[in-house]
C-alpha atoms as a PDB file:
ATOM      1  CA  ALA A   1      -7.869 -17.266 -17.946  1.00  0.00           C
ATOM      2  CA  ALA A   2      -7.573 -15.600 -14.547  1.00  0.00           C
ATOM      3  CA  VAL A   3      -9.751 -12.637 -15.562  1.00  0.00           C
ATOM      4  CA  LYS A   4     -12.422 -15.042 -16.823  1.00  0.00           C
ATOM      5  CA  ALA A   5     -12.212 -17.234 -13.700  1.00  0.00           C
ATOM      6  CA  ALA A   6     -12.669 -14.167 -11.488  1.00  0.00           C
ATOM      7  CA  GLY A   7     -15.677 -12.981 -13.516  1.00  0.00           C
ATOM      8  CA  LEU A   8     -14.009  -9.666 -14.362  1.00  0.00           C
ATOM      9  CA  VAL A   9     -14.265  -9.687 -18.159  1.00  0.00           C
ATOM     10  CA  ASP A  10     -17.372  -7.474 -18.271  1.00  0.00           C
ATOM     11  CA  THR A  11     -15.947  -5.106 -15.651  1.00  0.00           C
ATOM     12  CA  LEU A  12     -12.649  -4.607 -17.450  1.00  0.00           C
ATOM     13  CA  GLU A  13     -14.384  -4.274 -20.803  1.00  0.00           C
ATOM     14  CA  GLY A  14     -16.702  -1.640 -19.251  1.00  0.00           C
ATOM     15  CA  PRO A  15     -16.497   2.083 -19.901  1.00  0.00           C
ATOM     16  CA  GLY A  16     -13.657   2.757 -17.430  1.00  0.00           C
ATOM     17  CA  PRO A  17     -11.350   4.450 -17.670  1.00  0.00           C
ATOM     18  CA  PHE A  18      -8.901   2.070 -16.029  1.00  0.00           C
ATOM     19  CA  THR A  19      -5.169   1.666 -15.791  1.00  0.00           C
ATOM     20  CA  VAL A  20      -4.315  -2.032 -15.621  1.00  0.00           C
ATOM     21  CA  PHE A  21      -0.879  -3.124 -14.430  1.00  0.00           C
ATOM     22  CA  ALA A  22      -0.876  -6.425 -16.304  1.00  0.00           C
ATOM     23  CA  PRO A  23       1.773  -8.967 -15.294  1.00  0.00           C
ATOM     24  CA  ASN A  24       3.366 -10.753 -18.219  1.00  0.00           C
ATOM     25  CA  ASN A  25       3.547 -14.561 -18.478  1.00  0.00           C
ATOM     26  CA  LYS A  26       7.070 -14.555 -17.028  1.00  0.00           C
ATOM     27  CA  ALA A  27       5.727 -12.781 -13.913  1.00  0.00           C
ATOM     28  CA  PHE A  28       3.093 -15.469 -13.368  1.00  0.00           C
ATOM     29  CA  ALA A  29       5.664 -18.206 -13.983  1.00  0.00           C
ATOM     30  CA  ALA A  30       7.867 -16.723 -11.241  1.00  0.00           C
ATOM     31  CA  LEU A  31       5.206 -17.317  -8.578  1.00  0.00           C
ATOM     32  CA  PRO A  32       5.692 -20.362  -6.340  1.00  0.00           C
ATOM     33  CA  ALA A  33       4.699 -23.618  -8.035  1.00  0.00           C
ATOM     34  CA  GLY A  34       0.962 -24.232  -7.917  1.00  0.00           C
ATOM     35  CA  THR A  35      -0.007 -20.646  -7.000  1.00  0.00           C
ATOM     36  CA  VAL A  36      -1.824 -19.900 -10.253  1.00  0.00           C
ATOM     37  CA  ASP A  37      -3.587 -23.271 -10.326  1.00  0.00           C
ATOM     38  CA  THR A  38      -4.729 -22.774  -6.726  1.00  0.00           C
ATOM     39  CA  LEU A  39      -6.041 -19.263  -7.453  1.00  0.00           C
ATOM     40  CA  LEU A  40      -7.989 -20.577 -10.460  1.00  0.00           C
ATOM     41  CA  GLU A  41      -9.923 -23.088  -8.333  1.00  0.00           C
ATOM     42  CA  PRO A  42     -13.592 -22.064  -7.895  1.00  0.00           C
ATOM     43  CA  GLN A  43     -13.337 -21.911  -4.102  1.00  0.00           C
ATOM     44  CA  ASN A  44     -10.575 -19.276  -4.413  1.00  0.00           C
ATOM     45  CA  LYS A  45     -12.537 -16.898  -6.661  1.00  0.00           C
ATOM     46  CA  ALA A  46     -12.633 -14.128  -4.020  1.00  0.00           C
ATOM     47  CA  LYS A  47      -8.868 -14.288  -3.495  1.00  0.00           C
ATOM     48  CA  LEU A  48      -8.243 -14.324  -7.263  1.00  0.00           C
ATOM     49  CA  THR A  49     -10.553 -11.346  -7.706  1.00  0.00           C
ATOM     50  CA  GLY A  50      -8.645  -9.507  -4.981  1.00  0.00           C
ATOM     51  CA  VAL A  51      -5.301 -10.162  -6.646  1.00  0.00           C
ATOM     52  CA  LEU A  52      -6.542  -9.101 -10.088  1.00  0.00           C
ATOM     53  CA  THR A  53      -8.349  -5.954  -8.931  1.00  0.00           C
ATOM     54  CA  TYR A  54      -5.205  -5.008  -6.991  1.00  0.00           C
ATOM     55  CA  HIS A  55      -3.621  -4.465 -10.431  1.00  0.00           C
ATOM     56  CA  VAL A  56      -6.293  -1.972 -11.570  1.00  0.00           C
ATOM     57  CA  VAL A  57      -6.607   1.731 -10.711  1.00  0.00           C
ATOM     58  CA  PRO A  58      -9.283   4.169 -11.857  1.00  0.00           C
ATOM     59  CA  GLY A  59      -8.368   6.591 -14.629  1.00  0.00           C
ATOM     60  CA  THR A  60      -6.015   6.530 -17.573  1.00  0.00           C
ATOM     61  CA  LEU A  61      -2.442   6.871 -16.339  1.00  0.00           C
ATOM     62  CA  THR A  62       0.337   6.840 -18.915  1.00  0.00           C
ATOM     63  CA  VAL A  63       3.941   6.260 -17.882  1.00  0.00           C
ATOM     64  CA  GLU A  64       4.481  10.020 -18.055  1.00  0.00           C
ATOM     65  CA  ASP A  65       1.435  10.561 -15.804  1.00  0.00           C
ATOM     66  CA  LEU A  66       2.850   8.041 -13.330  1.00  0.00           C
ATOM     67  CA  ARG A  67       6.272   9.677 -13.483  1.00  0.00           C
ATOM     68  CA  ALA A  68       4.681  13.106 -12.835  1.00  0.00           C
ATOM     69  CA  LYS A  69       2.641  11.769  -9.877  1.00  0.00           C
ATOM     70  CA  ALA A  70       5.780  10.307  -8.307  1.00  0.00           C
ATOM     71  CA  SER A  71       7.718  13.525  -8.841  1.00  0.00           C
ATOM     72  CA  ALA A  72       4.932  15.687  -7.386  1.00  0.00           C
ATOM     73  CA  ALA A  73       4.806  13.420  -4.316  1.00  0.00           C
ATOM     74  CA  GLY A  74       8.526  13.727  -3.603  1.00  0.00           C
ATOM     75  CA  GLY A  75       9.565  10.542  -5.399  1.00  0.00           C
ATOM     76  CA  VAL A  76       6.920   7.984  -4.415  1.00  0.00           C
ATOM     77  CA  ALA A  77       3.209   8.398  -5.131  1.00  0.00           C
ATOM     78  CA  THR A  78       0.378   6.286  -3.755  1.00  0.00           C
ATOM     79  CA  LEU A  79      -2.390   4.937  -5.986  1.00  0.00           C
ATOM     80  CA  THR A  80      -5.662   3.454  -4.746  1.00  0.00           C
ATOM     81  CA  THR A  81      -6.709   0.307  -6.578  1.00  0.00           C
ATOM     82  CA  VAL A  82     -10.278  -0.621  -7.470  1.00  0.00           C
ATOM     83  CA  ASN A  83     -10.285  -3.076  -4.555  1.00  0.00           C
ATOM     84  CA  GLY A  84      -9.472  -0.238  -2.131  1.00  0.00           C
ATOM     85  CA  GLU A  85      -5.857  -1.231  -1.434  1.00  0.00           C
ATOM     86  CA  THR A  86      -2.833   0.902  -2.299  1.00  0.00           C
ATOM     87  CA  LEU A  87       0.112   0.634  -4.655  1.00  0.00           C
ATOM     88  CA  THR A  88       3.144   2.884  -4.853  1.00  0.00           C
ATOM     89  CA  VAL A  89       4.692   4.293  -7.991  1.00  0.00           C
ATOM     90  CA  GLN A  90       8.178   5.661  -8.410  1.00  0.00           C
ATOM     91  CA  ALA A  91      10.508   6.581 -11.241  1.00  0.00           C
ATOM     92  CA  LYS A  92      14.179   5.617 -11.226  1.00  0.00           C
ATOM     93  CA  GLY A  93      16.048   6.940 -14.218  1.00  0.00           C
ATOM     94  CA  ASN A  94      14.104   5.971 -17.322  1.00  0.00           C
ATOM     95  CA  SER A  95      12.220   3.212 -15.494  1.00  0.00           C
ATOM     96  CA  VAL A  96       8.879   3.365 -13.674  1.00  0.00           C
ATOM     97  CA  TYR A  97       8.058   0.887 -10.912  1.00  0.00           C
ATOM     98  CA  VAL A  98       4.804  -0.038  -9.224  1.00  0.00           C
ATOM     99  CA  GLY A  99       5.074  -1.521  -5.734  1.00  0.00           C
ATOM    100  CA  ASP A 100       2.876  -3.508  -3.380  1.00  0.00           C
ATOM    101  CA  LYS A 101       2.563  -3.412   0.413  1.00  0.00           C
ATOM    102  CA  GLU A 102       5.098  -6.221   0.826  1.00  0.00           C
ATOM    103  CA  GLY A 103       7.833  -4.291  -0.962  1.00  0.00           C
ATOM    104  CA  ARG A 104       7.682  -6.113  -4.297  1.00  0.00           C
ATOM    105  CA  ASN A 105       8.333  -3.739  -7.183  1.00  0.00           C
ATOM    106  CA  ALA A 106       7.107  -4.382 -10.709  1.00  0.00           C
ATOM    107  CA  LEU A 107       8.951  -2.716 -13.561  1.00  0.00           C
ATOM    108  CA  ILE A 108       6.741  -1.400 -16.350  1.00  0.00           C
ATOM    109  CA  VAL A 109       8.187  -3.322 -19.292  1.00  0.00           C
ATOM    110  CA  ILE A 110       5.471  -2.686 -21.906  1.00  0.00           C
ATOM    111  CA  PRO A 111       4.271   0.906 -21.452  1.00  0.00           C
ATOM    112  CA  ASP A 112       1.143   2.693 -22.574  1.00  0.00           C
ATOM    113  CA  VAL A 113      -0.892   0.073 -24.448  1.00  0.00           C
ATOM    114  CA  MET A 114      -3.840   2.371 -25.065  1.00  0.00           C
ATOM    115  CA  GLN A 115      -7.348   0.877 -24.989  1.00  0.00           C
ATOM    116  CA  SER A 116     -10.777   2.391 -25.624  1.00  0.00           C
ATOM    117  CA  ASN A 117     -11.431   2.351 -21.865  1.00  0.00           C
ATOM    118  CA  GLY A 118      -7.984   3.194 -20.491  1.00  0.00           C
ATOM    119  CA  VAL A 119      -4.441   1.927 -20.683  1.00  0.00           C
ATOM    120  CA  ILE A 120      -2.516  -1.258 -19.963  1.00  0.00           C
ATOM    121  CA  GLN A 121       0.927  -1.055 -18.392  1.00  0.00           C
ATOM    122  CA  GLY A 122       2.691  -4.391 -18.817  1.00  0.00           C
ATOM    123  CA  VAL A 123       4.700  -5.291 -15.700  1.00  0.00           C
ATOM    124  CA  ASP A 124       7.262  -7.978 -14.869  1.00  0.00           C
ATOM    125  CA  THR A 125       5.981  -8.946 -11.408  1.00  0.00           C
ATOM    126  CA  VAL A 126       2.685 -10.074  -9.919  1.00  0.00           C
ATOM    127  CA  LEU A 127       1.762  -7.678  -7.122  1.00  0.00           C
ATOM    128  CA  LEU A 128      -0.039  -9.115  -4.123  1.00  0.00           C
ATOM    129  CA  PRO A 129      -2.421  -7.316  -1.771  1.00  0.00           C
ATOM    130  CA  MET A 130      -1.390  -9.425   1.219  1.00  0.00           C
END
């Protein structure tokens, strides 16, 4: 519903490739009450678009690619999202985390869902660009 409300369906179904860090339903439910409803209001389309595009990076990055990027960067790699903001990625043991600028870290809980135009990494936290 959020992707449709933001007008991003055609973009994300485009040729890509993209890596989408897709929060699961539990992640959205953990947001403060009313947050999702507020973001879905027409007057908040720009903010919703910003939040959603903050979860998308160019290229196809598997969990192993993300792990390798973090290792090559000394433990924490920086990714640039399609909205121009940055995320961090780090591996801890068998787990890979993606972090936002506020220090929230999303665990990749459903890895490497391959698509024709990239890959979806299911995460347990909604990352916020503010």
